[in-house]
C-alpha atoms as a PDB file:
ATOM      1  CA  MET A   1      79.925 132.143  88.767  1.00  0.00           C
ATOM      2  CA  LEU A   2      81.037 128.701  87.278  1.00  0.00           C
ATOM      3  CA  GLN A   3      81.084 128.285  83.804  1.00  0.00           C
ATOM      4  CA  VAL A   4      80.648 124.301  82.778  1.00  0.00           C
ATOM      5  CA  ARG A   5      81.173 124.033  78.632  1.00  0.00           C
ATOM      6  CA  GLY A   6      80.731 120.874  76.435  1.00  0.00           C
ATOM      7  CA  PRO A   7      83.361 118.179  75.737  1.00  0.00           C
ATOM      8  CA  LEU A   8      86.825 119.285  74.607  1.00  0.00           C
ATOM      9  CA  VAL A   9      86.633 116.487  72.299  1.00  0.00           C
ATOM     10  CA  PRO A  10      89.140 117.010  68.993  1.00  0.00           C
ATOM     11  CA  LYS A  11      87.428 119.340  66.826  1.00  0.00           C
ATOM     12  CA  SER A  12      88.600 118.413  63.326  1.00  0.00           C
ATOM     13  CA  THR A  13      88.198 114.885  62.255  1.00  0.00           C
ATOM     14  CA  GLU A  14      91.485 114.394  61.152  1.00  0.00           C
ATOM     15  CA  ALA A  15      92.445 114.775  64.878  1.00  0.00           C
ATOM     16  CA  LYS A  16      89.814 112.509  66.135  1.00  0.00           C
ATOM     17  CA  LYS A  17      91.251 109.543  63.842  1.00  0.00           C
ATOM     18  CA  GLN A  18      95.167 109.977  64.374  1.00  0.00           C
ATOM     19  CA  LYS A  19      94.066 110.323  67.922  1.00  0.00           C
ATOM     20  CA  LYS A  20      91.673 107.003  67.795  1.00  0.00           C
ATOM     21  CA  LYS A  21      94.695 105.124  66.284  1.00  0.00           C
ATOM     22  CA  LYS A  22      97.153 106.360  69.266  1.00  0.00           C
ATOM     23  CA  GLN A  23      94.800 105.436  72.072  1.00  0.00           C
ATOM     24  CA  SER A  24      93.556 101.916  71.250  1.00  0.00           C
ATOM     25  CA  PHE A  25      97.226 100.954  71.748  1.00  0.00           C
ATOM     26  CA  PHE A  26      97.949 102.881  74.717  1.00  0.00           C
ATOM     27  CA  ARG A  27      94.674 102.204  76.426  1.00  0.00           C
ATOM     28  CA  LYS A  28      95.603  98.566  77.016  1.00  0.00           C
ATOM     29  CA  GLY A  29      98.704  99.558  78.370  1.00  0.00           C
ATOM     30  CA  SER A  30      96.656 102.309  80.872  1.00  0.00           C
ATOM     31  CA  LYS A  31      94.284  99.512  81.957  1.00  0.00           C
ATOM     32  CA  ARG A  32      96.956  97.687  83.132  1.00  0.00           C
ATOM     33  CA  GLY A  33      98.232 100.577  85.359  1.00  0.00           C
ATOM     34  CA  GLY A  34     101.691 100.587  84.552  1.00  0.00           C
ATOM     35  CA  TYR A  35     102.771 103.923  85.595  1.00  0.00           C
ATOM     36  CA  ALA A  36     101.502 102.773  89.001  1.00  0.00           C
ATOM     37  CA  ASN A  37     103.642  99.480  88.936  1.00  0.00           C
ATOM     38  CA  SER A  38     106.458 101.396  88.517  1.00  0.00           C
ATOM     39  CA  PRO A  39     109.258  99.808  90.091  1.00  0.00           C
ATOM     40  CA  SER A  40     110.330 103.057  92.015  1.00  0.00           C
ATOM     41  CA  LYS A  41     107.124 103.268  93.571  1.00  0.00           C
ATOM     42  CA  LYS A  42     108.016  99.647  94.726  1.00  0.00           C
ATOM     43  CA  PHE A  43     110.750 100.968  96.372  1.00  0.00           C
ATOM     44  CA  TYR A  44     109.117 103.600  98.389  1.00  0.00           C
ATOM     45  CA  PHE A  45     106.626 101.523  99.765  1.00  0.00           C
ATOM     46  CA  PRO A  46     109.084  98.911 101.789  1.00  0.00           C
ATOM     47  CA  GLN A  47     110.688 101.900 102.894  1.00  0.00           C
ATOM     48  CA  CYS A  48     107.544 103.754 104.234  1.00  0.00           C
ATOM     49  CA  PHE A  49     107.577 100.061 106.559  1.00  0.00           C
ATOM     50  CA  HIS A  50     111.282 100.163 107.579  1.00  0.00           C
ATOM     51  CA  SER A  51     111.919 103.447 107.960  1.00  0.00           C
ATOM     52  CA  ARG A  52     108.896 104.985 109.531  1.00  0.00           C
ATOM     53  CA  VAL A  53     106.511 102.453 110.695  1.00  0.00           C
ATOM     54  CA  SER A  54     108.838  99.884 112.099  1.00  0.00           C
ATOM     55  CA  LEU A  55     109.330 101.415 114.699  1.00  0.00           C
ATOM     56  CA  LEU A  56     105.587 101.079 115.596  1.00  0.00           C
ATOM     57  CA  ARG A  57     106.650  96.882 115.818  1.00  0.00           C
ATOM     58  CA  HIS A  58     103.634  96.381 113.388  1.00  0.00           C
ATOM     59  CA  ALA A  59     103.621  96.535 109.577  1.00  0.00           C
ATOM     60  CA  ALA A  60     100.201  95.847 109.598  1.00  0.00           C
ATOM     61  CA  ALA A  61      98.860  99.451 111.120  1.00  0.00           C
ATOM     62  CA  PHE A  62     100.379 100.608 108.268  1.00  0.00           C
ATOM     63  CA  LEU A  63      99.417  98.352 106.170  1.00  0.00           C
ATOM     64  CA  ILE A  64      95.095  98.849 107.000  1.00  0.00           C
ATOM     65  CA  PRO A  65      94.988 102.431 107.095  1.00  0.00           C
ATOM     66  CA  TYR A  66      96.629 102.088 103.422  1.00  0.00           C
ATOM     67  CA  VAL A  67      94.206 100.119 102.566  1.00  0.00           C
ATOM     68  CA  ILE A  68      91.183 102.240 103.638  1.00  0.00           C
ATOM     69  CA  ILE A  69      92.953 105.311 102.153  1.00  0.00           C
ATOM     70  CA  VAL A  70      92.708 103.635  98.925  1.00  0.00           C
ATOM     71  CA  ALA A  71      89.299 102.353  99.055  1.00  0.00           C
ATOM     72  CA  VAL A  72      87.961 105.921 100.361  1.00  0.00           C
ATOM     73  CA  ILE A  73      90.473 109.043  98.473  1.00  0.00           C
ATOM     74  CA  GLY A  74      93.384 106.749  96.312  1.00  0.00           C
ATOM     75  CA  ARG A  75      91.174 104.921  93.793  1.00  0.00           C
ATOM     76  CA  PRO A  76      88.149 107.241  93.306  1.00  0.00           C
ATOM     77  CA  MET A  77      90.628 109.982  92.475  1.00  0.00           C
ATOM     78  CA  TYR A  78      92.368 108.110  90.204  1.00  0.00           C
ATOM     79  CA  TYR A  79      89.205 107.108  88.171  1.00  0.00           C
ATOM     80  CA  MET A  80      87.847 110.761  88.014  1.00  0.00           C
ATOM     81  CA  GLU A  81      90.852 111.825  86.481  1.00  0.00           C
ATOM     82  CA  LEU A  82      90.845 109.150  84.192  1.00  0.00           C
ATOM     83  CA  VAL A  83      87.261 110.365  83.248  1.00  0.00           C
ATOM     84  CA  LEU A  84      88.053 114.076  83.465  1.00  0.00           C
ATOM     85  CA  GLY A  85      90.943 113.277  80.694  1.00  0.00           C
ATOM     86  CA  GLN A  86      88.488 111.280  78.533  1.00  0.00           C
ATOM     87  CA  PHE A  87      85.416 113.319  78.753  1.00  0.00           C
ATOM     88  CA  CYS A  88      87.923 116.459  77.914  1.00  0.00           C
ATOM     89  CA  SER A  89      90.465 114.705  75.175  1.00  0.00           C
ATOM     90  CA  ARG A  90      93.114 117.209  76.486  1.00  0.00           C
ATOM     91  CA  GLY A  91      95.986 117.440  78.866  1.00  0.00           C
ATOM     92  CA  PRO A  92      95.568 118.393  82.530  1.00  0.00           C
ATOM     93  CA  VAL A  93      96.115 122.277  81.369  1.00  0.00           C
ATOM     94  CA  ALA A  94      93.556 122.222  78.922  1.00  0.00           C
ATOM     95  CA  ALA A  95      91.252 119.942  80.972  1.00  0.00           C
ATOM     96  CA  PHE A  96      89.952 122.609  83.481  1.00  0.00           C
ATOM     97  CA  ASP A  97      89.205 125.079  80.722  1.00  0.00           C
ATOM     98  CA  SER A  98      85.755 123.750  81.389  1.00  0.00           C
ATOM     99  CA  MET A  99      86.116 125.151  85.162  1.00  0.00           C
ATOM    100  CA  PRO A 100      87.960 127.949  84.834  1.00  0.00           C
ATOM    101  CA  ILE A 101      88.359 128.817  88.908  1.00  0.00           C
ATOM    102  CA  ALA A 102      90.420 125.669  88.971  1.00  0.00           C
ATOM    103  CA  LYS A 103      92.446 126.271  85.972  1.00  0.00           C
ATOM    104  CA  GLY A 104      95.500 126.602  88.625  1.00  0.00           C
ATOM    105  CA  VAL A 105      95.041 123.313  89.646  1.00  0.00           C
ATOM    106  CA  GLY A 106      96.168 122.054  86.389  1.00  0.00           C
ATOM    107  CA  LEU A 107      98.870 124.194  85.630  1.00  0.00           C
ATOM    108  CA  ALA A 108     100.156 122.961  89.018  1.00  0.00           C
ATOM    109  CA  MET A 109      99.930 119.493  87.869  1.00  0.00           C
ATOM    110  CA  PRO A 110     102.896 119.893  85.304  1.00  0.00           C
ATOM    111  CA  TYR A 111     105.122 121.485  87.722  1.00  0.00           C
ATOM    112  CA  SER A 112     104.444 119.266  90.870  1.00  0.00           C
ATOM    113  CA  CYS A 113     105.184 116.184  87.898  1.00  0.00           C
ATOM    114  CA  PHE A 114     108.403 118.024  86.677  1.00  0.00           C
ATOM    115  CA  GLY A 115     109.735 118.231  90.681  1.00  0.00           C
ATOM    116  CA  VAL A 116     108.907 114.375  91.317  1.00  0.00           C
ATOM    117  CA  ALA A 117     111.449 113.546  88.178  1.00  0.00           C
ATOM    118  CA  LEU A 118     113.746 115.558  89.187  1.00  0.00           C
ATOM    119  CA  TYR A 119     114.951 112.730  92.101  1.00  0.00           C
ATOM    120  CA  TYR A 120     112.771 109.950  90.602  1.00  0.00           C
ATOM    121  CA  ASN A 121     115.657 109.287  88.103  1.00  0.00           C
ATOM    122  CA  VAL A 122     118.403 109.524  91.399  1.00  0.00           C
ATOM    123  CA  ILE A 123     116.654 106.650  92.147  1.00  0.00           C
ATOM    124  CA  LEU A 124     117.231 105.234  88.877  1.00  0.00           C
ATOM    125  CA  ALA A 125     120.313 106.093  89.199  1.00  0.00           C
ATOM    126  CA  TYR A 126     120.971 104.215  92.259  1.00  0.00           C
ATOM    127  CA  ALA A 127     119.893 101.242  90.811  1.00  0.00           C
ATOM    128  CA  LEU A 128     122.038 101.495  87.682  1.00  0.00           C
ATOM    129  CA  LEU A 129     125.075 101.800  89.598  1.00  0.00           C
ATOM    130  CA  TYR A 130     123.924  99.239  91.878  1.00  0.00           C
ATOM    131  CA  ALA A 131     123.056  96.569  88.802  1.00  0.00           C
ATOM    132  CA  TYR A 132     127.025  97.477  87.919  1.00  0.00           C
ATOM    133  CA  TYR A 133     128.144  96.472  90.958  1.00  0.00           C
ATOM    134  CA  SER A 134     126.118  93.199  90.695  1.00  0.00           C
ATOM    135  CA  CYS A 135     127.503  92.102  88.113  1.00  0.00           C
ATOM    136  CA  PHE A 136     130.934  91.680  90.059  1.00  0.00           C
ATOM    137  CA  GLU A 137     131.979  88.163  91.466  1.00  0.00           C
ATOM    138  CA  VAL A 138     132.560  89.853  94.762  1.00  0.00           C
ATOM    139  CA  LEU A 139     129.700  92.772  95.155  1.00  0.00           C
ATOM    140  CA  PRO A 140     131.297  95.468  97.092  1.00  0.00           C
ATOM    141  CA  TRP A 141     129.096  95.230  99.768  1.00  0.00           C
ATOM    142  CA  SER A 142     129.842  92.374 101.263  1.00  0.00           C
ATOM    143  CA  PHE A 143     132.778  93.465 103.175  1.00  0.00           C
ATOM    144  CA  CYS A 144     134.392  96.779 104.806  1.00  0.00           C
ATOM    145  CA  ASP A 145     136.810  98.092 102.351  1.00  0.00           C
ATOM    146  CA  PRO A 146     139.409 100.055 103.888  1.00  0.00           C
ATOM    147  CA  ALA A 147     139.135 102.529 101.071  1.00  0.00           C
ATOM    148  CA  TRP A 148     135.862 103.797 101.796  1.00  0.00           C
ATOM    149  CA  ALA A 149     134.881 101.634 105.922  1.00  0.00           C
ATOM    150  CA  ASP A 150     135.597 103.072 109.218  1.00  0.00           C
ATOM    151  CA  GLN A 151     135.943 101.233 112.246  1.00  0.00           C
ATOM    152  CA  ASN A 152     132.065 101.350 113.331  1.00  0.00           C
ATOM    153  CA  CYS A 153     131.578  99.139 109.978  1.00  0.00           C
ATOM    154  CA  TYR A 154     130.114  95.607 110.426  1.00  0.00           C
ATOM    155  CA  VAL A 155     129.705  92.665 108.397  1.00  0.00           C
ATOM    156  CA  ARG A 156     126.204  90.556 107.986  1.00  0.00           C
ATOM    157  CA  GLY A 157     127.278  87.715 107.083  1.00  0.00           C
ATOM    158  CA  ALA A 158     127.170  83.791 108.492  1.00  0.00           C
ATOM    159  CA  ASN A 159     127.947  84.806 112.075  1.00  0.00           C
ATOM    160  CA  ALA A 160     124.629  86.793 111.897  1.00  0.00           C
ATOM    161  CA  LEU A 161     125.969  89.737 113.791  1.00  0.00           C
ATOM    162  CA  VAL A 162     123.672  92.677 115.259  1.00  0.00           C
ATOM    163  CA  PRO A 163     124.917  95.748 116.859  1.00  0.00           C
ATOM    164  CA  CYS A 164     125.042  95.093 120.860  1.00  0.00           C
ATOM    165  CA  HIS A 165     122.881  98.392 121.512  1.00  0.00           C
ATOM    166  CA  ARG A 166     119.341  96.224 119.425  1.00  0.00           C
ATOM    167  CA  VAL A 167     119.719  92.795 121.025  1.00  0.00           C
ATOM    168  CA  ASP A 168     117.033  94.314 123.858  1.00  0.00           C
ATOM    169  CA  GLN A 169     115.150  95.560 121.024  1.00  0.00           C
ATOM    170  CA  ASP A 170     115.290  92.368 119.232  1.00  0.00           C
ATOM    171  CA  LEU A 171     114.729  89.698 122.057  1.00  0.00           C
ATOM    172  CA  PHE A 172     111.869  92.039 123.179  1.00  0.00           C
ATOM    173  CA  GLU A 173     110.869  91.560 119.489  1.00  0.00           C
ATOM    174  CA  THR A 174     110.960  88.140 119.529  1.00  0.00           C
ATOM    175  CA  PHE A 175     109.439  87.256 123.108  1.00  0.00           C
ATOM    176  CA  GLU A 176     106.846  89.977 124.009  1.00  0.00           C
ATOM    177  CA  HIS A 177     103.780  87.717 122.750  1.00  0.00           C
ATOM    178  CA  ALA A 178     105.771  84.342 124.309  1.00  0.00           C
ATOM    179  CA  ASN A 179     107.552  85.378 127.596  1.00  0.00           C
ATOM    180  CA  SER A 180     109.646  82.491 128.608  1.00  0.00           C
ATOM    181  CA  THR A 181     108.901  80.903 131.905  1.00  0.00           C
ATOM    182  CA  ALA A 182     112.342  79.350 133.148  1.00  0.00           C
ATOM    183  CA  LYS A 183     113.424  79.405 136.196  1.00  0.00           C
ATOM    184  CA  ASP A 184     116.555  81.083 135.114  1.00  0.00           C
ATOM    185  CA  ALA A 185     114.688  83.732 132.739  1.00  0.00           C
ATOM    186  CA  ILE A 186     116.176  86.977 132.686  1.00  0.00           C
ATOM    187  CA  PRO A 187     114.020  90.235 132.100  1.00  0.00           C
ATOM    188  CA  VAL A 188     114.563  92.553 129.064  1.00  0.00           C
ATOM    189  CA  ARG A 189     113.152  96.147 129.111  1.00  0.00           C
ATOM    190  CA  HIS A 190     112.528  97.720 125.954  1.00  0.00           C
ATOM    191  CA  ASP A 191     110.098 100.597 125.480  1.00  0.00           C
ATOM    192  CA  GLY A 192     108.313 100.588 129.203  1.00  0.00           C
ATOM    193  CA  LYS A 193     107.878  97.220 129.067  1.00  0.00           C
ATOM    194  CA  VAL A 194     109.859  93.774 130.412  1.00  0.00           C
ATOM    195  CA  VAL A 195     109.714  90.314 128.997  1.00  0.00           C
ATOM    196  CA  MET A 196     111.191  87.237 130.000  1.00  0.00           C
ATOM    197  CA  VAL A 197     113.640  85.881 127.983  1.00  0.00           C
ATOM    198  CA  ASP A 198     115.554  82.372 128.641  1.00  0.00           C
ATOM    199  CA  SER A 199     119.333  82.692 129.529  1.00  0.00           C
ATOM    200  CA  LEU A 200     120.514  80.511 126.670  1.00  0.00           C
ATOM    201  CA  THR A 201     118.379  82.928 124.479  1.00  0.00           C
ATOM    202  CA  TYR A 202     120.094  85.661 126.502  1.00  0.00           C
ATOM    203  CA  THR A 203     123.490  85.015 126.012  1.00  0.00           C
ATOM    204  CA  MET A 204     123.754  83.898 122.691  1.00  0.00           C
ATOM    205  CA  ALA A 205     122.617  86.743 121.650  1.00  0.00           C
ATOM    206  CA  PHE A 206     124.903  89.312 123.026  1.00  0.00           C
ATOM    207  CA  ALA A 207     127.773  86.628 122.227  1.00  0.00           C
ATOM    208  CA  ASN A 208     126.780  87.219 118.539  1.00  0.00           C
ATOM    209  CA  CYS A 209     126.541  91.202 118.589  1.00  0.00           C
ATOM    210  CA  THR A 210     129.505  93.644 117.810  1.00  0.00           C
ATOM    211  CA  ASN A 211     130.230  97.158 119.053  1.00  0.00           C
ATOM    212  CA  ALA A 212     129.959  98.436 115.217  1.00  0.00           C
ATOM    213  CA  SER A 213     126.864 100.432 114.537  1.00  0.00           C
ATOM    214  CA  GLU A 214     126.599 100.599 110.843  1.00  0.00           C
ATOM    215  CA  PRO A 215     126.690  97.539 108.561  1.00  0.00           C
ATOM    216  CA  ALA A 216     128.484  97.110 105.613  1.00  0.00           C
ATOM    217  CA  THR A 217     125.763  97.735 102.988  1.00  0.00           C
ATOM    218  CA  GLN A 218     124.968 101.281 104.880  1.00  0.00           C
ATOM    219  CA  GLN A 219     128.719 102.577 105.125  1.00  0.00           C
ATOM    220  CA  PHE A 220     128.927 101.567 101.182  1.00  0.00           C
ATOM    221  CA  PHE A 221     126.132 103.356  99.922  1.00  0.00           C
ATOM    222  CA  TRP A 222     126.452 106.341 102.155  1.00  0.00           C
ATOM    223  CA  LYS A 223     130.765 106.899 102.059  1.00  0.00           C
ATOM    224  CA  TYR A 224     130.903 105.343  98.608  1.00  0.00           C
ATOM    225  CA  VAL A 225     128.114 105.442  96.631  1.00  0.00           C
ATOM    226  CA  VAL A 226     127.081 109.071  97.639  1.00  0.00           C
ATOM    227  CA  ASN A 227     130.072 110.092  99.443  1.00  0.00           C
ATOM    228  CA  LEU A 228     127.922 112.122 102.028  1.00  0.00           C
ATOM    229  CA  SER A 229     129.616 115.417 102.683  1.00  0.00           C
ATOM    230  CA  ASP A 230     129.960 116.237 106.598  1.00  0.00           C
ATOM    231  CA  GLY A 231     127.010 119.005 106.901  1.00  0.00           C
ATOM    232  CA  ILE A 232     124.798 121.145 104.079  1.00  0.00           C
ATOM    233  CA  GLU A 233     127.565 123.999 104.427  1.00  0.00           C
ATOM    234  CA  ASN A 234     129.756 121.549 102.452  1.00  0.00           C
ATOM    235  CA  LEU A 235     128.645 120.598  99.281  1.00  0.00           C
ATOM    236  CA  GLY A 236     131.187 118.084  98.382  1.00  0.00           C
ATOM    237  CA  ALA A 237     132.551 116.799  94.930  1.00  0.00           C
ATOM    238  CA  VAL A 238     130.393 116.055  91.826  1.00  0.00           C
ATOM    239  CA  GLN A 239     130.234 112.030  91.992  1.00  0.00           C
ATOM    240  CA  PRO A 240     131.257 110.593  88.418  1.00  0.00           C
ATOM    241  CA  LYS A 241     129.949 107.359  88.695  1.00  0.00           C
ATOM    242  CA  LEU A 242     126.833 108.992  89.694  1.00  0.00           C
ATOM    243  CA  LEU A 243     126.419 111.400  87.072  1.00  0.00           C
ATOM    244  CA  ILE A 244     127.105 108.801  84.375  1.00  0.00           C
ATOM    245  CA  CYS A 245     124.178 106.542  86.039  1.00  0.00           C
ATOM    246  CA  LEU A 246     121.847 109.769  85.803  1.00  0.00           C
ATOM    247  CA  LEU A 247     122.717 110.635  82.624  1.00  0.00           C
ATOM    248  CA  ILE A 248     122.060 107.222  81.046  1.00  0.00           C
ATOM    249  CA  ALA A 249     118.667 107.233  82.986  1.00  0.00           C
ATOM    250  CA  TRP A 250     117.773 110.697  81.305  1.00  0.00           C
ATOM    251  CA  ILE A 251     118.777 109.224  77.874  1.00  0.00           C
ATOM    252  CA  CYS A 252     116.134 106.647  78.904  1.00  0.00           C
ATOM    253  CA  VAL A 253     113.487 108.806  79.718  1.00  0.00           C
ATOM    254  CA  PHE A 254     114.241 110.776  76.447  1.00  0.00           C
ATOM    255  CA  LEU A 255     114.104 107.625  74.202  1.00  0.00           C
ATOM    256  CA  CYS A 256     110.788 106.696  75.968  1.00  0.00           C
ATOM    257  CA  ILE A 257     108.976 109.778  75.197  1.00  0.00           C
ATOM    258  CA  PHE A 258     110.841 111.555  72.270  1.00  0.00           C
ATOM    259  CA  LYS A 259     107.877 109.883  69.764  1.00  0.00           C
ATOM    260  CA  GLY A 260     105.025 110.759  72.254  1.00  0.00           C
ATOM    261  CA  ILE A 261     102.108 108.288  72.877  1.00  0.00           C
ATOM    262  CA  LYS A 262     103.927 105.623  69.988  1.00  0.00           C
ATOM    263  CA  SER A 263     107.029 104.701  71.722  1.00  0.00           C
ATOM    264  CA  SER A 264     105.600 105.531  75.984  1.00  0.00           C
ATOM    265  CA  GLY A 265     102.569 103.289  74.941  1.00  0.00           C
ATOM    266  CA  LYS A 266     105.243 100.680  74.151  1.00  0.00           C
ATOM    267  CA  VAL A 267     106.917 100.992  77.435  1.00  0.00           C
ATOM    268  CA  VAL A 268     103.912 100.714  79.158  1.00  0.00           C
ATOM    269  CA  LEU A 269     103.467  96.982  78.214  1.00  0.00           C
ATOM    270  CA  VAL A 270     106.743  96.071  79.931  1.00  0.00           C
ATOM    271  CA  SER A 271     106.619  98.857  83.196  1.00  0.00           C
ATOM    272  CA  ALA A 272     102.839  96.735  84.133  1.00  0.00           C
ATOM    273  CA  THR A 273     104.145  93.745  83.609  1.00  0.00           C
ATOM    274  CA  VAL A 274     108.045  93.608  84.590  1.00  0.00           C
ATOM    275  CA  PRO A 275     106.872  94.938  88.436  1.00  0.00           C
ATOM    276  CA  PHE A 276     104.875  92.200  89.505  1.00  0.00           C
ATOM    277  CA  LEU A 277     107.781  89.505  87.722  1.00  0.00           C
ATOM    278  CA  ILE A 278     110.204  91.382  90.261  1.00  0.00           C
ATOM    279  CA  LEU A 279     107.869  91.412  93.049  1.00  0.00           C
ATOM    280  CA  GLY A 280     107.317  87.560  92.419  1.00  0.00           C
ATOM    281  CA  ALA A 281     111.160  86.840  92.716  1.00  0.00           C
ATOM    282  CA  PHE A 282     111.487  89.013  95.446  1.00  0.00           C
ATOM    283  CA  LEU A 283     108.601  87.317  97.309  1.00  0.00           C
ATOM    284  CA  VAL A 284     109.889  83.398  96.417  1.00  0.00           C
ATOM    285  CA  ARG A 285     113.243  84.463  97.921  1.00  0.00           C
ATOM    286  CA  GLY A 286     112.088  86.356 100.880  1.00  0.00           C
ATOM    287  CA  VAL A 287     110.106  83.588 102.289  1.00  0.00           C
ATOM    288  CA  THR A 288     112.746  80.865 101.664  1.00  0.00           C
ATOM    289  CA  LEU A 289     114.951  83.305 103.666  1.00  0.00           C
ATOM    290  CA  PRO A 290     115.917  82.243 107.871  1.00  0.00           C
ATOM    291  CA  GLY A 291     113.123  84.129 110.103  1.00  0.00           C
ATOM    292  CA  ALA A 292     110.368  84.724 107.182  1.00  0.00           C
ATOM    293  CA  SER A 293     107.722  83.598 109.687  1.00  0.00           C
ATOM    294  CA  MET A 294     108.780  86.237 112.016  1.00  0.00           C
ATOM    295  CA  GLY A 295     108.420  88.489 108.968  1.00  0.00           C
ATOM    296  CA  LEU A 296     105.255  87.525 107.840  1.00  0.00           C
ATOM    297  CA  GLN A 297     103.922  87.823 111.274  1.00  0.00           C
ATOM    298  CA  PHE A 298     105.095  91.562 111.761  1.00  0.00           C
ATOM    299  CA  TYR A 299     103.287  92.277 108.630  1.00  0.00           C
ATOM    300  CA  PHE A 300     100.224  90.966 108.986  1.00  0.00           C
ATOM    301  CA  ILE A 301      99.416  90.873 112.634  1.00  0.00           C
ATOM    302  CA  PRO A 302      98.587  94.402 113.540  1.00  0.00           C
ATOM    303  CA  ASP A 303      98.622  96.408 116.900  1.00  0.00           C
ATOM    304  CA  TRP A 304      94.934  98.045 116.853  1.00  0.00           C
ATOM    305  CA  SER A 305      96.410 100.816 118.765  1.00  0.00           C
ATOM    306  CA  LYS A 306      98.658 102.082 116.887  1.00  0.00           C
ATOM    307  CA  MET A 307      96.224 103.269 114.227  1.00  0.00           C
ATOM    308  CA  LEU A 308      95.545 105.808 115.851  1.00  0.00           C
ATOM    309  CA  ARG A 309      98.531 107.547 115.958  1.00  0.00           C
ATOM    310  CA  PHE A 310      98.734 110.178 112.986  1.00  0.00           C
ATOM    311  CA  GLU A 311     101.932 109.282 111.709  1.00  0.00           C
ATOM    312  CA  VAL A 312     100.843 106.384 110.265  1.00  0.00           C
ATOM    313  CA  TRP A 313      97.634 107.753 108.607  1.00  0.00           C
ATOM    314  CA  GLN A 314     100.007 110.421 107.259  1.00  0.00           C
ATOM    315  CA  LYS A 315     102.705 108.284 105.800  1.00  0.00           C
ATOM    316  CA  ALA A 316      99.802 105.917 104.548  1.00  0.00           C
ATOM    317  CA  ALA A 317      98.358 108.431 102.565  1.00  0.00           C
ATOM    318  CA  GLN A 318     101.866 109.582 101.314  1.00  0.00           C
ATOM    319  CA  GLN A 319     102.278 106.302  99.845  1.00  0.00           C
ATOM    320  CA  VAL A 320      98.480 106.225  98.249  1.00  0.00           C
ATOM    321  CA  PHE A 321      99.054 109.760  96.310  1.00  0.00           C
ATOM    322  CA  TYR A 322     102.591 108.606  95.407  1.00  0.00           C
ATOM    323  CA  SER A 323     101.782 105.610  94.490  1.00  0.00           C
ATOM    324  CA  LEU A 324      98.608 106.081  92.162  1.00  0.00           C
ATOM    325  CA  SER A 325     100.510 109.392  90.887  1.00  0.00           C
ATOM    326  CA  VAL A 326      96.878 111.125  91.352  1.00  0.00           C
ATOM    327  CA  SER A 327      97.010 115.218  91.149  1.00  0.00           C
ATOM    328  CA  GLN A 328     100.246 114.682  89.052  1.00  0.00           C
ATOM    329  CA  GLY A 329      98.580 114.877  85.665  1.00  0.00           C
ATOM    330  CA  VAL A 330      99.838 111.603  84.465  1.00  0.00           C
ATOM    331  CA  ILE A 331      96.070 109.987  84.739  1.00  0.00           C
ATOM    332  CA  ILE A 332      94.486 112.386  82.967  1.00  0.00           C
ATOM    333  CA  CYS A 333      97.048 112.357  80.485  1.00  0.00           C
ATOM    334  CA  MET A 334      96.018 108.714  79.896  1.00  0.00           C
ATOM    335  CA  GLY A 335      92.682 109.395  79.586  1.00  0.00           C
ATOM    336  CA  SER A 336      92.698 111.550  77.242  1.00  0.00           C
ATOM    337  CA  TYR A 337      94.350 108.892  75.110  1.00  0.00           C
ATOM    338  CA  ASN A 338      90.918 106.796  75.463  1.00  0.00           C
ATOM    339  CA  ASP A 339      87.624 107.085  73.165  1.00  0.00           C
ATOM    340  CA  PHE A 340      85.202 109.360  74.236  1.00  0.00           C
ATOM    341  CA  ARG A 341      82.959 107.010  74.750  1.00  0.00           C
ATOM    342  CA  ASN A 342      85.043 104.455  75.757  1.00  0.00           C
ATOM    343  CA  SER A 343      83.974 102.492  79.188  1.00  0.00           C
ATOM    344  CA  LEU A 344      86.382 103.143  82.293  1.00  0.00           C
ATOM    345  CA  TYR A 345      84.286 101.456  84.599  1.00  0.00           C
ATOM    346  CA  LYS A 346      84.362  98.126  83.142  1.00  0.00           C
END
């Protein structure tokens, strides 16, 4: 038998006044969705395209399920958690007091949030380290440094070098919808399909390839920044540079929250606007790079058959829950600082 109690608003008048003063400033930040627009979540979105869905050769096969899940599941859950927090005026643990059978959900939310925070700050540590190296006159990942590079390292630069084993795949993706009709066209096979490529393009593609398989940027990260060990049985040594950056990241977190809503509310105003400026800069830079039209075509033209694959919907759902931060208790906490009669719908 479920017991539904009344709104868990602050009992004392003084508590109500203090909470109202705090929420008036914080509500502006929460409406902007500062938490959902954090840089680390923008980092994960293209990662879904590159590491998982690019294998499907159509990014729109991920984008369409993502939009559907946001509209059907993501936003309704986001709104529900805001309403729950505003109605109860409590955090995620106490908010479920009105439904004792679900109290374990409220207890699990802070634990899941803590788990996310552990690796979240590792990403911030990477970002701080790369920001430091970006101040160098010569970027350390722009060449194969013998200190960390091996014989498989190559530089993506003016020669437009690509690994030879990827040439067939790149040619297939380029000519998949526009086969060459020249007499000297050469068949290119990939993934059980065949396309025709003119001989000049085919020859030039293989002339600009390299037998090396790992770009300098990749080896710089794995062999220098992370210094990846050769197996799980070998933990390796602590990396001082990453340890310092991780410590700085946690200090920043402490400075953002040590005064409670007074400090975190101000941070929200920054985190809600800066990511859009960064994304705008990335957009302008991206559309001016060579091959931008092919990238846009890859992004917006869907292959409807790929949408039937379970992996696409799974990764889209993961990204929705991660980007909106639902089921972590953060949204409930945000809503608890709103006035009880605040119109969330508007």
